[in-house]
């Protein structure tokens, strides 16, 4: 699903209402494979964006 959204213009660094990026949410939820994939796509944590 993440790849599908990214290919259609999704922003891997969008900071949501909970002040988390997709990377932050994946890390918090315990999904290391998704975290690695997001990093490969250029994702950063909300703290890295400040």
PDB file of N, CA and C in Angstrom:
ATOM      1  N   UNK A   1       0.825  -1.165   0.000  1.00  0.00           N
ATOM      2  CA  UNK A   1       0.000   0.000   0.000  1.00  0.00           C
ATOM      3  C   UNK A   1       0.893   1.260   0.000  1.00  0.00           C
ATOM      4  N   UNK A   2       1.954   1.225   0.776  1.00  0.00           N
ATOM      5  CA  UNK A   2       2.837   2.393   0.831  1.00  0.00           C
ATOM      6  C   UNK A   2       3.434   2.692  -0.544  1.00  0.00           C
ATOM      7  N   UNK A   3       3.858   1.659  -1.241  1.00  0.00           N
ATOM      8  CA  UNK A   3       4.413   1.842  -2.583  1.00  0.00           C
ATOM      9  C   UNK A   3       3.357   2.394  -3.529  1.00  0.00           C
ATOM     10  N   UNK A   4       2.158   1.877  -3.449  1.00  0.00           N
ATOM     11  CA  UNK A   4       1.045   2.346  -4.274  1.00  0.00           C
ATOM     12  C   UNK A   4       0.812   3.841  -4.060  1.00  0.00           C
ATOM     13  N   UNK A   5       0.758   4.251  -2.803  1.00  0.00           N
ATOM     14  CA  UNK A   5       0.524   5.665  -2.495  1.00  0.00           C
ATOM     15  C   UNK A   5       1.686   6.539  -2.956  1.00  0.00           C
ATOM     16  N   UNK A   6       2.898   6.073  -2.740  1.00  0.00           N
ATOM     17  CA  UNK A   6       4.068   6.852  -3.151  1.00  0.00           C
ATOM     18  C   UNK A   6       4.094   7.036  -4.665  1.00  0.00           C
ATOM     19  N   UNK A   7       3.792   5.987  -5.412  1.00  0.00           N
ATOM     20  CA  UNK A   7       3.790   6.088  -6.874  1.00  0.00           C
ATOM     21  C   UNK A   7       2.702   7.018  -7.389  1.00  0.00           C
ATOM     22  N   UNK A   8       1.726   7.300  -6.571  1.00  0.00           N
ATOM     23  CA  UNK A   8       0.645   8.204  -6.972  1.00  0.00           C
ATOM     24  C   UNK A   8       0.775   9.587  -6.335  1.00  0.00           C
ATOM     25  N   UNK A   9       1.990   9.919  -5.893  1.00  0.00           N
ATOM     26  CA  UNK A   9       2.251  11.262  -5.421  1.00  0.00           C
ATOM     27  C   UNK A   9       2.220  11.452  -3.921  1.00  0.00           C
ATOM     28  N   UNK A  10       2.131  10.381  -3.165  1.00  0.00           N
ATOM     29  CA  UNK A  10       2.141  10.496  -1.706  1.00  0.00           C
ATOM     30  C   UNK A  10       3.443  11.106  -1.209  1.00  0.00           C
ATOM     31  N   UNK A  11       3.364  11.804  -0.120  1.00  0.00           N
ATOM     32  CA  UNK A  11       4.522  12.487   0.467  1.00  0.00           C
ATOM     33  C   UNK A  11       5.059  11.658   1.632  1.00  0.00           C
ATOM     34  N   UNK A  12       6.259  11.087   1.476  1.00  0.00           N
ATOM     35  CA  UNK A  12       6.831  10.252   2.537  1.00  0.00           C
ATOM     36  C   UNK A  12       7.239  11.066   3.757  1.00  0.00           C
ATOM     37  N   UNK A  13       7.229  12.384   3.639  1.00  0.00           N
ATOM     38  CA  UNK A  13       7.606  13.234   4.758  1.00  0.00           C
ATOM     39  C   UNK A  13       6.455  14.105   5.263  1.00  0.00           C
ATOM     40  N   UNK A  14       5.248  13.730   4.929  1.00  0.00           N
ATOM     41  CA  UNK A  14       4.085  14.461   5.416  1.00  0.00           C
ATOM     42  C   UNK A  14       3.993  14.328   6.930  1.00  0.00           C
ATOM     43  N   UNK A  15       3.851  15.448   7.608  1.00  0.00           N
ATOM     44  CA  UNK A  15       3.658  15.430   9.058  1.00  0.00           C
ATOM     45  C   UNK A  15       2.156  15.489   9.302  1.00  0.00           C
ATOM     46  N   UNK A  16       1.621  14.435   9.907  1.00  0.00           N
ATOM     47  CA  UNK A  16       0.187  14.324  10.124  1.00  0.00           C
ATOM     48  C   UNK A  16      -0.289  15.073  11.352  1.00  0.00           C
ATOM     49  N   UNK A  17      -1.573  14.951  11.598  1.00  0.00           N
ATOM     50  CA  UNK A  17      -2.192  15.644  12.731  1.00  0.00           C
ATOM     51  C   UNK A  17      -1.583  15.218  14.065  1.00  0.00           C
ATOM     52  N   UNK A  18      -1.021  14.014  14.100  1.00  0.00           N
ATOM     53  CA  UNK A  18      -0.397  13.500  15.319  1.00  0.00           C
ATOM     54  C   UNK A  18       1.077  13.878  15.419  1.00  0.00           C
ATOM     55  N   UNK A  19       1.504  14.752  14.496  1.00  0.00           N
ATOM     56  CA  UNK A  19       2.890  15.246  14.431  1.00  0.00           C
ATOM     57  C   UNK A  19       3.897  14.144  14.140  1.00  0.00           C
ATOM     58  N   UNK A  20       3.442  13.116  13.425  1.00  0.00           N
ATOM     59  CA  UNK A  20       4.309  12.021  13.016  1.00  0.00           C
ATOM     60  C   UNK A  20       4.379  11.969  11.495  1.00  0.00           C
ATOM     61  N   UNK A  21       5.547  11.608  10.999  1.00  0.00           N
ATOM     62  CA  UNK A  21       5.677  11.301   9.577  1.00  0.00           C
ATOM     63  C   UNK A  21       5.348   9.814   9.416  1.00  0.00           C
ATOM     64  N   UNK A  22       5.196   9.348   8.188  1.00  0.00           N
ATOM     65  CA  UNK A  22       4.988   7.915   7.996  1.00  0.00           C
ATOM     66  C   UNK A  22       6.121   7.080   8.622  1.00  0.00           C
ATOM     67  N   UNK A  23       7.337   7.581   8.556  1.00  0.00           N
ATOM     68  CA  UNK A  23       8.464   6.879   9.169  1.00  0.00           C
ATOM     69  C   UNK A  23       8.276   6.770  10.672  1.00  0.00           C
ATOM     70  N   UNK A  24       7.911   7.868  11.313  1.00  0.00           N
ATOM     71  CA  UNK A  24       7.677   7.852  12.760  1.00  0.00           C
ATOM     72  C   UNK A  24       6.585   6.855  13.128  1.00  0.00           C
ATOM     73  N   UNK A  25       5.507   6.855  12.359  1.00  0.00           N
ATOM     74  CA  UNK A  25       4.385   5.954  12.634  1.00  0.00           C
ATOM     75  C   UNK A  25       4.806   4.496  12.470  1.00  0.00           C
ATOM     76  N   UNK A  26       5.583   4.205  11.437  1.00  0.00           N
ATOM     77  CA  UNK A  26       6.053   2.836  11.216  1.00  0.00           C
ATOM     78  C   UNK A  26       6.978   2.385  12.341  1.00  0.00           C
ATOM     79  N   UNK A  27       7.858   3.281  12.777  1.00  0.00           N
ATOM     80  CA  UNK A  27       8.757   2.950  13.888  1.00  0.00           C
ATOM     81  C   UNK A  27       7.960   2.708  15.165  1.00  0.00           C
ATOM     82  N   UNK A  28       7.012   3.580  15.459  1.00  0.00           N
ATOM     83  CA  UNK A  28       6.203   3.468  16.674  1.00  0.00           C
ATOM     84  C   UNK A  28       5.371   2.189  16.667  1.00  0.00           C
ATOM     85  N   UNK A  29       4.948   1.762  15.493  1.00  0.00           N
ATOM     86  CA  UNK A  29       4.120   0.557  15.378  1.00  0.00           C
ATOM     87  C   UNK A  29       4.939  -0.730  15.295  1.00  0.00           C
ATOM     88  N   UNK A  30       6.261  -0.599  15.237  1.00  0.00           N
ATOM     89  CA  UNK A  30       7.118  -1.777  15.221  1.00  0.00           C
ATOM     90  C   UNK A  30       7.163  -2.512  13.891  1.00  0.00           C
ATOM     91  N   UNK A  31       7.309  -1.770  12.801  1.00  0.00           N
ATOM     92  CA  UNK A  31       7.376  -2.368  11.462  1.00  0.00           C
ATOM     93  C   UNK A  31       8.735  -2.078  10.821  1.00  0.00           C
ATOM     94  N   UNK A  32       9.775  -2.817  11.210  1.00  0.00           N
ATOM     95  CA  UNK A  32      11.131  -2.527  10.719  1.00  0.00           C
ATOM     96  C   UNK A  32      11.289  -2.639   9.207  1.00  0.00           C
ATOM     97  N   UNK A  33      10.561  -3.532   8.564  1.00  0.00           N
ATOM     98  CA  UNK A  33      10.674  -3.653   7.108  1.00  0.00           C
ATOM     99  C   UNK A  33      10.150  -2.403   6.430  1.00  0.00           C
ATOM    100  N   UNK A  34       9.038  -1.897   6.905  1.00  0.00           N
ATOM    101  CA  UNK A  34       8.478  -0.661   6.355  1.00  0.00           C
ATOM    102  C   UNK A  34       9.386   0.524   6.659  1.00  0.00           C
ATOM    103  N   UNK A  35       9.960   0.555   7.851  1.00  0.00           N
ATOM    104  CA  UNK A  35      10.903   1.631   8.204  1.00  0.00           C
ATOM    105  C   UNK A  35      12.062   1.652   7.218  1.00  0.00           C
ATOM    106  N   UNK A  36      12.638   0.486   6.948  1.00  0.00           N
ATOM    107  CA  UNK A  36      13.766   0.405   6.016  1.00  0.00           C
ATOM    108  C   UNK A  36      13.347   0.852   4.621  1.00  0.00           C
ATOM    109  N   UNK A  37      12.178   0.413   4.171  1.00  0.00           N
ATOM    110  CA  UNK A  37      11.693   0.793   2.848  1.00  0.00           C
ATOM    111  C   UNK A  37      11.476   2.301   2.770  1.00  0.00           C
ATOM    112  N   UNK A  38      10.856   2.871   3.796  1.00  0.00           N
ATOM    113  CA  UNK A  38      10.627   4.321   3.810  1.00  0.00           C
ATOM    114  C   UNK A  38      11.947   5.084   3.776  1.00  0.00           C
ATOM    115  N   UNK A  39      12.931   4.629   4.547  1.00  0.00           N
ATOM    116  CA  UNK A  39      14.257   5.280   4.523  1.00  0.00           C
ATOM    117  C   UNK A  39      14.837   5.219   3.108  1.00  0.00           C
ATOM    118  N   UNK A  40      14.688   4.091   2.443  1.00  0.00           N
ATOM    119  CA  UNK A  40      15.190   3.958   1.066  1.00  0.00           C
ATOM    120  C   UNK A  40      14.496   4.935   0.115  1.00  0.00           C
ATOM    121  N   UNK A  41      13.282   5.324   0.449  1.00  0.00           N
ATOM    122  CA  UNK A  41      12.521   6.258  -0.382  1.00  0.00           C
ATOM    123  C   UNK A  41      12.789   7.720   0.001  1.00  0.00           C
ATOM    124  N   UNK A  42      13.659   7.940   0.993  1.00  0.00           N
ATOM    125  CA  UNK A  42      14.005   9.303   1.396  1.00  0.00           C
ATOM    126  C   UNK A  42      13.205   9.837   2.564  1.00  0.00           C
ATOM    127  N   UNK A  43      12.485   8.963   3.258  1.00  0.00           N
ATOM    128  CA  UNK A  43      11.673   9.402   4.400  1.00  0.00           C
ATOM    129  C   UNK A  43      12.557   9.831   5.566  1.00  0.00           C
ATOM    130  N   UNK A  44      12.045  10.801   6.296  1.00  0.00           N
ATOM    131  CA  UNK A  44      12.731  11.293   7.500  1.00  0.00           C
ATOM    132  C   UNK A  44      11.722  11.392   8.638  1.00  0.00           C
ATOM    133  N   UNK A  45      12.220  11.427   9.851  1.00  0.00           N
ATOM    134  CA  UNK A  45      11.348  11.592  11.010  1.00  0.00           C
ATOM    135  C   UNK A  45      10.980  13.066  11.136  1.00  0.00           C
ATOM    136  N   UNK A  46       9.940  13.335  11.894  1.00  0.00           N
ATOM    137  CA  UNK A  46       9.513  14.719  12.107  1.00  0.00           C
ATOM    138  C   UNK A  46      10.639  15.547  12.720  1.00  0.00           C
ATOM    139  N   UNK A  47      11.402  14.934  13.618  1.00  0.00           N
ATOM    140  CA  UNK A  47      12.532  15.656  14.238  1.00  0.00           C
ATOM    141  C   UNK A  47      13.596  16.020  13.218  1.00  0.00           C
ATOM    142  N   UNK A  48      13.804  15.180  12.220  1.00  0.00           N
ATOM    143  CA  UNK A  48      14.800  15.469  11.186  1.00  0.00           C
ATOM    144  C   UNK A  48      14.357  16.582  10.261  1.00  0.00           C
ATOM    145  N   UNK A  49      13.063  16.811  10.202  1.00  0.00           N
ATOM    146  CA  UNK A  49      12.529  17.848   9.295  1.00  0.00           C
ATOM    147  C   UNK A  49      12.574  19.237   9.907  1.00  0.00           C
ATOM    148  N   UNK A  50      12.796  19.322  11.206  1.00  0.00           N
ATOM    149  CA  UNK A  50      12.795  20.631  11.884  1.00  0.00           C
ATOM    150  C   UNK A  50      14.077  21.365  11.641  1.00  0.00           C
TER     151      UNK A  50
END
